[in-house]
Protein backbone atom coordinates (compact mmCIF):
# COMPACT_ATOMS: atom_id res chain seq x y z
CA MET A 1 -5.37 -20.89 -17.01
CA ASP A 2 -7.70 -18.58 -15.10
CA ARG A 3 -6.21 -15.76 -13.13
CA PRO A 4 -6.71 -15.86 -9.34
CA LEU A 5 -9.69 -13.44 -9.30
CA ALA A 6 -11.25 -14.48 -12.60
CA GLY A 7 -15.03 -14.04 -12.50
CA VAL A 8 -14.97 -11.29 -9.83
CA VAL A 9 -16.70 -8.10 -11.01
CA VAL A 10 -15.52 -4.83 -9.44
CA LEU A 11 -17.25 -1.48 -9.87
CA ASP A 12 -14.55 1.16 -9.44
CA LEU A 13 -15.68 4.62 -8.33
CA THR A 14 -12.21 5.75 -7.29
CA ARG A 15 -10.03 8.64 -8.44
CA PHE A 16 -6.42 9.78 -8.24
CA LEU A 17 -4.18 7.10 -6.61
CA SER A 18 -5.23 5.21 -3.48
CA GLY A 19 -8.35 3.67 -5.00
CA PRO A 20 -7.03 3.24 -8.55
CA HIS A 21 -3.95 1.48 -7.17
CA SER A 22 -6.18 -0.93 -5.27
CA THR A 23 -8.28 -1.74 -8.32
CA LEU A 24 -5.13 -1.99 -10.45
CA LEU A 25 -3.93 -4.82 -8.22
CA LEU A 26 -7.32 -6.53 -8.43
CA ALA A 27 -7.34 -6.14 -12.22
CA GLY A 28 -3.86 -7.62 -12.51
CA LEU A 29 -5.08 -10.58 -10.45
CA GLY A 30 -7.86 -11.17 -12.97
CA ALA A 31 -10.90 -9.30 -11.65
CA GLU A 32 -13.10 -7.54 -14.20
CA VAL A 33 -12.66 -3.95 -13.03
CA ILE A 34 -15.16 -1.48 -14.50
CA LYS A 35 -14.27 2.16 -13.95
CA ILE A 36 -17.39 4.29 -13.46
CA ASP A 37 -16.72 7.93 -14.33
CA ASP A 38 -18.89 11.00 -14.70
CA PRO A 39 -19.80 11.54 -18.38
CA ALA A 40 -19.07 15.27 -18.13
CA GLY A 41 -15.66 15.26 -16.45
CA GLY A 42 -14.40 11.70 -16.71
CA ASP A 43 -11.28 10.50 -14.93
CA PRO A 44 -9.34 13.63 -13.90
CA THR A 45 -5.99 11.92 -14.47
CA ALA A 46 -6.79 11.17 -18.13
CA GLY A 47 -6.01 14.75 -19.09
CA ALA A 48 -3.61 15.67 -16.28
CA PRO A 49 0.06 16.37 -17.03
CA PRO A 50 2.50 14.96 -17.76
CA LEU A 51 0.86 13.49 -20.85
CA ALA A 52 2.03 11.02 -23.47
CA GLY A 53 0.95 10.56 -27.05
CA PRO A 54 2.13 10.14 -30.64
CA ARG A 55 4.55 13.08 -30.32
CA GLY A 56 6.07 12.04 -27.02
CA VAL A 57 5.67 13.41 -23.51
CA ALA A 58 4.52 16.94 -22.75
CA LEU A 59 3.02 19.08 -20.00
CA GLU A 60 0.12 20.15 -22.23
CA ARG A 61 -2.10 18.18 -24.62
CA VAL A 62 -0.60 18.24 -28.10
CA THR A 63 -2.85 15.72 -29.89
CA PRO A 64 -6.29 14.23 -29.12
CA GLN A 65 -4.52 10.92 -28.50
CA ASP A 66 -2.54 12.32 -25.56
CA TYR A 67 -3.37 10.88 -22.14
CA GLY A 68 -2.03 11.53 -18.67
CA LEU A 69 0.76 9.13 -17.73
CA ALA A 70 -0.94 8.54 -14.39
CA TYR A 71 -4.07 7.39 -16.22
CA LEU A 72 -2.12 5.16 -18.61
CA LYS A 73 -0.46 3.43 -15.66
CA ARG A 74 -3.35 3.22 -13.18
CA ALA A 75 -6.09 2.22 -15.62
CA ARG A 76 -4.30 -0.77 -17.13
CA CYS A 77 -6.38 -3.95 -17.46
CA LYS A 78 -9.59 -2.03 -16.62
CA LYS A 79 -12.78 -1.22 -18.50
CA SER A 80 -14.27 2.26 -18.61
CA ALA A 81 -17.94 3.22 -18.46
CA THR A 82 -19.59 6.57 -17.81
CA LEU A 83 -22.58 7.12 -15.53
CA ASN A 84 -23.99 10.30 -14.01
CA LEU A 85 -24.52 9.30 -10.38
CA LYS A 86 -26.15 12.66 -9.60
CA HIS A 87 -28.95 11.93 -12.07
CA PRO A 88 -31.77 9.79 -10.62
CA GLU A 89 -31.64 7.42 -13.57
CA GLY A 90 -27.86 7.21 -13.37
CA ARG A 91 -28.06 6.33 -9.70
CA GLY A 92 -30.71 3.71 -10.49
CA LEU A 93 -28.53 2.19 -13.21
CA PHE A 94 -25.60 2.00 -10.80
CA LEU A 95 -27.73 0.24 -8.20
CA ASP A 96 -28.80 -2.21 -10.88
CA LEU A 97 -25.16 -2.81 -11.87
CA ALA A 98 -24.21 -3.35 -8.22
CA SER A 99 -26.80 -6.12 -8.08
CA HIS A 100 -24.64 -8.01 -10.59
CA ALA A 101 -21.26 -7.08 -9.08
CA ASP A 102 -19.10 -8.62 -6.38
CA VAL A 103 -17.21 -5.53 -5.23
CA VAL A 104 -17.67 -1.77 -5.13
CA ILE A 105 -14.70 0.44 -4.27
CA GLU A 106 -14.87 4.20 -3.70
CA ASN A 107 -12.61 6.87 -2.24
CA PHE A 108 -15.11 9.67 -1.76
CA ARG A 109 -14.95 11.83 1.34
CA PRO A 110 -17.07 10.38 4.17
CA GLY A 111 -20.77 11.08 3.58
CA VAL A 112 -20.60 11.54 -0.20
CA ALA A 113 -21.74 8.01 -1.02
CA GLU A 114 -24.66 8.40 1.42
CA ARG A 115 -25.70 11.68 -0.23
CA LEU A 116 -25.57 10.01 -3.63
CA GLY A 117 -27.66 7.12 -2.35
CA ILE A 118 -25.06 4.48 -3.23
CA ALA A 119 -23.51 3.70 0.17
CA TYR A 120 -23.12 0.16 1.48
CA GLU A 121 -26.56 -0.05 3.08
CA ALA A 122 -28.30 0.86 -0.17
CA LEU A 123 -26.26 -1.64 -2.18
CA ALA A 124 -26.53 -4.44 0.38
CA ALA A 125 -30.34 -4.08 0.36
CA ARG A 126 -30.20 -5.03 -3.31
CA ASN A 127 -27.25 -7.40 -3.17
CA PRO A 128 -26.42 -8.89 0.26
CA ARG A 129 -23.29 -10.49 -1.23
CA ILE A 130 -21.71 -7.16 -2.19
CA VAL A 131 -18.28 -6.32 -0.75
CA TYR A 132 -18.00 -2.56 -0.33
CA CYS A 133 -14.65 -0.86 0.31
CA ALA A 134 -14.35 2.82 1.25
CA LEU A 135 -10.89 4.39 1.10
CA THR A 136 -10.50 7.75 2.86
CA GLY A 137 -7.80 9.93 4.33
CA TYR A 138 -8.79 9.56 7.99
CA GLY A 139 -11.37 6.77 8.00
CA ALA A 140 -15.15 6.59 8.30
CA THR A 141 -15.14 7.20 12.07
CA GLY A 142 -13.32 9.48 14.50
CA PRO A 143 -13.37 13.25 15.10
CA ASP A 144 -11.29 14.08 11.98
CA ARG A 145 -13.19 11.81 9.60
CA ASP A 146 -14.44 14.73 7.47
CA LEU A 147 -11.04 16.30 6.80
CA LYS A 148 -9.82 16.28 3.22
CA ALA A 149 -6.47 14.57 2.70
CA TYR A 150 -3.88 13.96 0.05
CA ASP A 151 -0.73 11.92 0.54
CA LEU A 152 1.19 14.92 1.91
CA MET A 153 -1.36 15.43 4.68
CA ALA A 154 -1.45 11.70 5.49
CA GLN A 155 2.33 11.55 5.80
CA ALA A 156 2.27 14.62 8.05
CA ALA A 157 -0.65 13.46 10.21
CA SER A 158 0.61 9.90 10.74
CA GLY A 159 4.01 10.94 12.06
CA LEU A 160 5.96 9.70 9.02
CA MET A 161 7.25 13.14 8.01
CA ALA A 162 8.57 13.79 11.51
CA ILE A 163 10.84 10.75 11.32
CA THR A 164 11.93 11.16 7.67
CA GLY A 165 15.02 13.10 6.66
CA SER A 166 18.26 14.02 8.37
CA PRO A 167 18.23 14.79 12.13
CA GLU A 168 19.06 18.46 11.56
CA GLY A 169 16.68 18.90 8.61
CA PRO A 170 12.98 19.76 8.38
CA PRO A 171 10.16 17.21 8.35
CA THR A 172 10.30 15.50 4.95
CA LYS A 173 7.84 13.45 2.92
CA ALA A 174 8.88 10.21 1.28
CA GLY A 175 9.80 10.58 -2.37
CA THR A 176 6.70 8.69 -3.53
CA PRO A 177 3.06 8.93 -2.34
CA LEU A 178 3.37 6.09 0.14
CA SER A 179 0.05 6.60 1.93
CA ASP A 180 -1.92 6.21 -1.32
CA MET A 181 -0.04 3.12 -2.44
CA ILE A 182 -0.05 1.43 0.96
CA ALA A 183 -3.73 2.16 1.61
CA GLY A 184 -4.57 0.86 -1.86
CA THR A 185 -2.66 -2.34 -1.15
CA TYR A 186 -4.39 -2.80 2.23
CA ALA A 187 -7.73 -2.19 0.54
CA ALA A 188 -7.04 -4.89 -2.05
CA LEU A 189 -6.10 -7.26 0.78
CA GLY A 190 -9.33 -6.38 2.60
CA VAL A 191 -11.39 -7.05 -0.52
CA VAL A 192 -9.77 -10.44 -1.12
CA ALA A 193 -10.29 -11.36 2.57
CA ALA A 194 -13.96 -10.30 2.45
CA LEU A 195 -14.52 -12.33 -0.72
CA HIS A 196 -12.96 -15.34 0.98
CA GLU A 197 -15.15 -14.88 4.06
CA ARG A 198 -18.20 -14.55 1.79
CA ASN A 199 -17.54 -18.08 0.55
CA ARG A 200 -18.29 -19.25 4.10
CA SER A 201 -21.06 -16.89 5.17
CA GLY A 202 -22.71 -16.09 1.84
CA ARG A 203 -22.77 -12.40 2.82
CA GLY A 204 -20.72 -9.38 1.84
CA GLN A 205 -19.64 -6.59 4.15
CA ALA A 206 -18.26 -3.05 4.30
CA ILE A 207 -14.53 -2.34 4.56
CA ASP A 208 -13.17 0.93 6.00
CA VAL A 209 -9.56 1.77 5.05
CA SER A 210 -7.80 4.97 6.13
CA MET A 211 -4.60 6.27 4.56
CA VAL A 212 -3.44 7.60 7.93
CA ASP A 213 -4.24 4.31 9.69
CA CYS A 214 -2.20 2.35 7.18
CA LEU A 215 0.86 4.60 7.44
CA PHE A 216 0.66 4.71 11.24
CA SER A 217 0.49 0.92 11.45
CA MET A 218 3.69 0.67 9.45
CA ILE A 219 5.80 3.29 11.22
CA MET A 220 4.83 1.98 14.66
CA ASP A 221 6.67 -1.27 14.06
CA GLU A 222 9.58 0.89 15.23
CA PRO A 223 9.43 1.73 18.99
CA LEU A 224 9.21 5.45 18.26
CA ASP A 225 7.44 6.20 21.52
CA CYS A 226 10.51 4.92 23.39
CA TYR A 227 13.10 7.02 21.56
CA VAL A 228 13.03 9.86 24.09
CA ALA A 229 13.65 7.48 27.00
CA LEU A 230 16.54 5.96 25.05
CA GLY A 231 18.04 9.37 24.27
CA LEU A 232 17.50 8.95 20.52
CA ALA A 233 16.40 11.59 18.04
CA PRO A 234 13.14 10.70 16.23
CA ARG A 235 14.61 11.65 12.85
CA GLN A 236 17.51 9.34 12.04
CA GLY A 237 18.06 9.86 8.32
CA ASN A 238 18.99 6.54 6.72
CA ARG A 239 19.85 4.88 10.00
CA ILE A 240 17.69 2.48 11.95
CA MET A 241 18.00 2.34 15.72
CA ARG A 242 18.43 -1.41 16.01
CA PHE A 243 21.59 -1.96 13.99
CA SER A 244 24.91 -0.25 13.39
CA PRO A 245 26.26 0.41 10.88
CA PHE A 246 23.09 0.88 8.85
CA ASN A 247 23.37 3.84 6.49
CA THR A 248 24.30 5.13 3.06
CA TYR A 249 27.90 6.04 2.38
CA ARG A 250 29.58 8.05 -0.35
CA SER A 251 31.83 6.07 -2.68
CA ALA A 252 34.39 7.35 -5.16
CA ASP A 253 31.72 7.48 -7.87
CA GLY A 254 28.32 7.48 -6.13
CA TRP A 255 26.62 6.10 -3.03
CA VAL A 256 26.21 2.68 -1.46
CA ALA A 257 23.88 1.33 1.24
CA ILE A 258 25.47 -0.93 3.86
CA GLY A 259 23.91 -2.63 6.85
CA ALA A 260 25.08 -5.07 9.51
CA ALA A 261 22.22 -6.56 11.52
CA THR A 262 23.96 -9.59 13.01
CA ALA A 263 27.26 -10.30 14.74
CA GLN A 264 28.30 -12.37 11.73
CA GLU A 265 27.62 -9.48 9.34
CA TRP A 266 29.56 -7.08 11.56
CA ARG A 267 32.48 -9.52 11.55
CA GLY A 268 32.29 -9.81 7.75
CA LEU A 269 32.26 -6.03 7.39
CA ALA A 270 35.26 -5.59 9.69
CA LEU A 271 37.19 -8.18 7.69
CA ALA A 272 36.20 -6.50 4.41
CA LEU A 273 37.50 -3.21 5.79
CA GLY A 274 40.74 -4.91 6.81
CA ARG A 275 40.12 -3.85 10.41
CA GLN A 276 40.98 -6.83 12.58
CA ASP A 277 41.36 -4.34 15.42
CA LEU A 278 37.60 -3.75 15.42
CA LEU A 279 37.04 -7.43 16.13
CA GLU A 280 39.51 -7.32 19.01
CA ASP A 281 37.95 -4.23 20.59
CA PRO A 282 35.16 -5.40 22.97
CA ARG A 283 33.28 -2.12 22.58
CA PHE A 284 32.65 -2.72 18.87
CA GLN A 285 31.27 -6.17 19.57
CA SER A 286 28.24 -4.64 21.32
CA VAL A 287 25.53 -3.50 18.91
CA GLY A 288 24.17 -1.26 21.68
CA TRP A 289 27.53 0.49 21.94
CA ARG A 290 27.74 0.85 18.16
CA ILE A 291 24.23 2.38 18.05
CA ALA A 292 25.16 4.86 20.77
CA HIS A 293 28.35 5.70 18.85
CA ASN A 294 26.93 5.70 15.32
CA GLU A 295 29.00 8.73 14.31
CA GLU A 296 32.24 6.92 15.08
CA VAL A 297 31.12 3.73 13.31
CA ASP A 298 29.90 5.64 10.24
CA ALA A 299 33.18 7.54 10.04
CA ILE A 300 35.13 4.26 9.91
CA VAL A 301 32.91 2.80 7.18
CA GLY A 302 32.75 6.09 5.27
CA ASP A 303 36.53 6.47 5.16
CA TRP A 304 36.75 3.03 3.55
CA THR A 305 33.97 3.56 0.98
CA ARG A 306 35.13 7.00 -0.20
CA ALA A 307 38.36 5.52 -1.57
CA ARG A 308 36.59 2.83 -3.63
CA SER A 309 34.15 2.57 -6.51
CA THR A 310 30.58 1.55 -5.84
CA ALA A 311 31.01 -1.62 -7.91
CA GLY A 312 34.20 -2.52 -6.03
CA ILE A 313 32.52 -1.98 -2.65
CA VAL A 314 29.54 -4.13 -3.58
CA GLU A 315 31.74 -6.94 -4.91
CA THR A 316 33.96 -6.94 -1.80
CA LEU A 317 31.02 -6.94 0.61
CA LYS A 318 29.25 -9.70 -1.35
CA GLN A 319 32.32 -11.88 -0.84
CA HIS A 320 31.95 -11.35 2.91
CA ASP A 321 28.14 -11.83 2.86
CA VAL A 322 27.45 -8.29 4.06
CA PRO A 323 24.15 -6.76 2.87
CA CYS A 324 24.83 -3.85 0.51
CA SER A 325 23.47 -2.18 -2.59
CA PRO A 326 24.38 0.67 -4.89
CA VAL A 327 22.03 3.64 -4.50
CA ARG A 328 20.42 3.57 -7.92
CA THR A 329 18.67 6.44 -9.66
CA PRO A 330 15.21 5.62 -11.09
CA GLU A 331 16.80 5.37 -14.53
CA GLU A 332 19.40 2.94 -13.22
CA ALA A 333 16.71 0.87 -11.49
CA ILE A 334 14.74 0.66 -14.75
CA ALA A 335 17.87 -0.58 -16.52
CA TRP A 336 18.76 -3.06 -13.73
CA PRO A 337 18.87 -6.56 -15.28
CA HIS A 338 17.43 -8.12 -12.11
CA LEU A 339 14.15 -6.14 -12.27
CA ARG A 340 13.90 -6.83 -15.99
CA ALA A 341 14.42 -10.54 -15.44
CA ARG A 342 11.61 -10.44 -12.86
CA GLY A 343 9.22 -8.86 -15.35
CA MET A 344 8.97 -5.69 -13.27
CA VAL A 345 9.84 -3.29 -16.10
CA GLU A 346 7.19 -3.09 -18.79
CA PRO A 347 6.65 -0.72 -21.71
CA LEU A 348 3.63 1.49 -21.17
CA ARG A 349 1.04 1.42 -23.95
CA GLN A 350 -1.50 3.93 -25.20
CA PRO A 351 -5.19 2.89 -25.29
CA ASP A 352 -4.85 1.92 -28.97
CA GLY A 353 -2.01 -0.48 -28.08
CA THR A 354 0.82 1.59 -29.52
CA ALA A 355 3.94 2.13 -27.45
CA SER A 356 4.08 5.03 -25.04
CA PRO A 357 7.37 6.85 -24.41
CA ALA A 358 7.23 5.87 -20.73
CA THR A 359 7.82 2.78 -18.60
CA ALA A 360 5.50 1.08 -16.12
CA ALA A 361 6.01 -1.40 -13.30
CA GLY A 362 4.77 -4.95 -13.65
CA LEU A 363 2.61 -6.74 -11.08
CA PRO A 364 4.87 -7.54 -8.08
CA ILE A 365 3.15 -10.84 -7.22
CA ARG A 366 4.11 -14.23 -8.67
CA PHE A 367 2.01 -17.39 -8.56
CA SER A 368 3.25 -20.90 -9.28
CA ARG A 369 0.12 -21.87 -11.25
CA SER A 370 -2.16 -18.90 -11.84
CA PRO A 371 -1.08 -16.22 -14.31
CA ALA A 372 -1.33 -12.62 -13.16
CA ALA A 373 -0.13 -9.54 -15.02
CA LEU A 374 -0.86 -5.95 -15.97
CA ASP A 375 -0.79 -6.79 -19.65
CA ALA A 376 -3.60 -4.70 -21.16
CA PRO A 377 -3.46 -0.95 -21.82
CA ALA A 378 -5.70 1.67 -20.21
CA PRO A 379 -9.00 2.01 -22.09
CA VAL A 380 -10.28 4.98 -24.03
CA PRO A 381 -12.45 6.77 -21.42
CA GLY A 382 -16.04 5.57 -21.67
CA ALA A 383 -15.18 2.89 -24.23
CA HIS A 384 -17.14 0.13 -22.46
CA THR A 385 -20.29 2.01 -21.42
CA ARG A 386 -22.55 0.35 -23.95
CA GLU A 387 -21.03 -3.09 -23.48
CA VAL A 388 -21.43 -2.97 -19.69
CA LEU A 389 -25.01 -1.68 -19.68
CA SER A 390 -26.05 -4.06 -22.42
CA ARG A 391 -24.41 -7.15 -20.93
CA PHE A 392 -25.43 -6.65 -17.31
CA LEU A 393 -28.73 -4.78 -17.67
CA GLY A 394 -29.94 -5.85 -21.12
CA LEU A 395 -30.31 -2.28 -22.47
CA ASP A 396 -30.65 -2.05 -26.24
CA GLU A 397 -29.16 0.54 -28.57
CA PRO A 398 -32.17 2.92 -28.66
CA ALA A 399 -32.28 2.98 -24.87
CA LEU A 400 -28.54 3.68 -24.70
CA GLU A 401 -28.84 6.48 -27.26
CA ASP A 402 -31.62 8.04 -25.21
CA LEU A 403 -29.59 7.85 -22.00
CA GLN A 404 -26.62 9.48 -23.70
CA ALA A 405 -28.74 12.25 -25.20
CA ARG A 406 -30.07 13.11 -21.72
CA GLY A 407 -26.64 13.11 -20.06
CA VAL A 408 -27.23 9.99 -17.96
CA ILE A 409 -24.28 8.18 -19.59
C-alpha cells in the first residue's frame, strides 16, 4: 500500500537538525525527499563526529566508509544530489527542479535564499503550487530576525532554560536539542497542512517557522507569568505547579517518577504508602495545600521510596493505579521491551546497508492502513545527482559530465 505522502516531491536544502528532522518525518511518511547539498562541502554532518563505520564508532574518520552518526540517522529514507546554488547554472537547475517539486524546505538565515535567488517568490513565479517552508531561529519577521541561533540560544531566548533545573541551580538546557526537534515537527505539520489546503485552492504558499516561537508556544501552556503573584519560583525542578506530589524520588536502587493529578490518585498513593492518616487529615485533601507544602509532601513520599526497590515501588503503585515510572537511562530505554514492541528501536545502517554499531529511533506515528517507516539507510552523499537531473530535467550523460567538470554539480 502507498505511504501517506507517496508522490510528494520535497527538495531539502536544510542542514544540521531542525530542517533535517522535518524532512526525515516527511520521508518516513512516504515523500520523496531529495537532499540538495553543495558539491564542494556536502552535508556537514556526514563527516562530523562521532562517526561510525566498519571498525566501529570513533571521534575521527578511520575508514572512507565512516559517516557521522547524525547523518546516518537524519538522512534515512532520503536521496542525495549535489548542486552549486552559487553558480548561475546551478541556481537555474534548482529553479527547474522546483518546477517539478511539491515542497521546498530550507533553514538558511533570513535573507540568504533571497540573495541566492531561490526564495519563495522566485519559485512561485515558476511553480504557483510550490509549498515553501523556511525554518529559522527567530523567524522571518521581527527585530531579531537576523540573529544566528542554535538550540542553546533558542532555549535561552524562549524562557525554557530559566524554568529548567532545580530552584537553587543555574539556568539549564534540556538534555536534548528540543527547539530543533520541535520546530522540525511543527514545520512538517505546516507542510502537510499547506499541501492539504492546496488541494482546495490549487496554490502553494510560504511557511515561516521559528525555533523560538515553537518553544515559547509550548512552555506558555504553563501559567508562568502568574507564578510571581502565586508566590512560586519559576524554576521548579521536576515538579509541576498544578499537582502534588509530582516529582522524582530516590529508591533503594535508583530513581522513580511519581505523580498524583487527581483526588483518586492521591488516595491510591496514600493507601500504597500505608498512610490512612493522610486521608483523614483535611489539609492533605486539598491539592492547593499540597502544592504550597510540596517539601512536606515530598518528604513523606521520599521516605517511603528510599526503603524500597524501584521495581517494588512501580509494582505497588500499579496495583493502586498511581502513575509512576522508573527513571531509565538511555541504555535502559533502548532495552525496554515496550519500545521494542512498538517498533521504536531500530538498528542503524550504513549507506551500503550493513549494520552500524548504533541504534536509531523508529517513526513515532502509526496508521491503521497506510505503512510509514524509516526503513531505508542514509544515502552515499551525492549518490542520486544524475538520477534526479536526468529524471526531472531530461539531462543526458554528456551534459551531466560537463556540469560536474565545471563544478555545477
